[in-house]
């Protein structure tokens, strides 16, 4: 079984909503409320702490490699796929 976490780390849709109401340059407080980086969760460490293998993919190539690896082995596997902030 392979579990994939799409790690975006930002409420990008809300940044667009700020623009829709006329906020072109949001301040640090507003930007902080749109971030999912504090705390910065280590999605791969969580399953490893329970004995489940995990891997992090920052590129499409790394993702393909991890999926192939995960499918070739028995047991659960978690993949954290970084999705660029929009």
Protein backbone atom coordinates (compact mmCIF):
# COMPACT_ATOMS: atom_id res chain seq x y z
CA UNK A 1 0.00 0.00 0.00
CA UNK A 2 1.36 3.39 -1.00
CA UNK A 3 0.20 6.61 0.64
CA UNK A 4 1.03 9.87 -1.12
CA UNK A 5 1.05 13.21 0.71
CA UNK A 6 0.85 16.25 -1.61
CA UNK A 7 2.86 18.78 0.37
CA UNK A 8 1.90 22.28 -0.71
CA UNK A 9 2.69 24.16 2.54
CA UNK A 10 0.61 27.21 1.63
CA UNK A 11 -3.01 28.29 1.34
CA UNK A 12 -2.41 29.60 -2.18
CA UNK A 13 -6.13 29.93 -2.87
CA UNK A 14 -6.38 32.45 -0.03
CA UNK A 15 -3.52 34.51 -1.47
CA UNK A 16 -5.65 34.85 -4.60
CA UNK A 17 -8.61 35.89 -2.47
CA UNK A 18 -6.49 38.65 -0.91
CA UNK A 19 -5.80 39.95 -4.43
CA UNK A 20 -9.53 39.75 -5.21
CA UNK A 21 -10.27 42.16 -2.35
CA UNK A 22 -7.50 44.56 -3.41
CA UNK A 23 -4.57 43.45 -1.24
CA UNK A 24 -1.60 43.55 -3.64
CA UNK A 25 1.22 43.41 -1.05
CA UNK A 26 0.09 41.45 2.03
CA UNK A 27 2.07 42.07 5.21
CA UNK A 28 4.04 39.52 7.22
CA UNK A 29 1.09 38.79 9.52
CA UNK A 30 -1.22 38.02 6.61
CA UNK A 31 1.42 35.91 4.87
CA UNK A 32 2.07 34.01 8.10
CA UNK A 33 -1.61 33.05 8.27
CA UNK A 34 -1.42 31.61 4.74
CA UNK A 35 1.65 29.48 5.44
CA UNK A 36 1.57 25.82 6.42
CA UNK A 37 5.28 25.87 7.35
CA UNK A 38 5.08 26.70 11.06
CA UNK A 39 5.55 24.13 12.34
CA UNK A 40 7.26 22.58 9.32
CA UNK A 41 6.02 18.98 9.47
CA UNK A 42 8.44 16.24 8.47
CA UNK A 43 5.95 13.94 6.75
CA UNK A 44 8.59 11.25 6.22
CA UNK A 45 9.69 11.16 9.87
CA UNK A 46 6.15 10.48 11.11
CA UNK A 47 5.73 7.05 9.46
CA UNK A 48 9.37 6.14 10.05
CA UNK A 49 8.71 6.60 13.76
CA UNK A 50 6.17 3.76 13.43
CA UNK A 51 8.43 1.52 11.36
CA UNK A 52 6.99 2.47 7.97
CA UNK A 53 9.37 3.26 5.12
CA UNK A 54 8.99 6.70 3.54
CA UNK A 55 10.58 8.91 0.92
CA UNK A 56 10.51 12.54 -0.19
CA UNK A 57 10.16 13.61 -3.83
CA UNK A 58 11.00 17.16 -4.88
CA UNK A 59 10.94 16.39 -8.62
CA UNK A 60 8.78 14.34 -10.98
CA UNK A 61 11.73 12.02 -11.61
CA UNK A 62 12.22 11.40 -7.88
CA UNK A 63 8.49 10.75 -7.53
CA UNK A 64 8.57 8.17 -10.35
CA UNK A 65 11.54 6.45 -8.72
CA UNK A 66 9.84 6.33 -5.32
CA UNK A 67 6.58 4.99 -6.74
CA UNK A 68 8.46 2.21 -8.54
CA UNK A 69 10.38 1.39 -5.35
CA UNK A 70 7.23 1.44 -3.21
CA UNK A 71 5.33 -0.83 -5.60
CA UNK A 72 8.20 -3.34 -5.76
CA UNK A 73 8.23 -4.09 -2.06
CA UNK A 74 5.78 -5.53 0.45
CA UNK A 75 4.21 -3.42 3.16
CA UNK A 76 3.21 0.20 3.48
CA UNK A 77 5.22 3.10 2.06
CA UNK A 78 4.61 6.86 2.32
CA UNK A 79 5.71 9.35 -0.34
CA UNK A 80 5.82 13.06 0.39
CA UNK A 81 5.53 14.86 -2.95
CA UNK A 82 6.51 18.53 -2.84
CA UNK A 83 4.13 20.68 -4.85
CA UNK A 84 5.46 24.15 -5.66
CA UNK A 85 3.66 27.04 -3.99
CA UNK A 86 1.32 28.66 -6.48
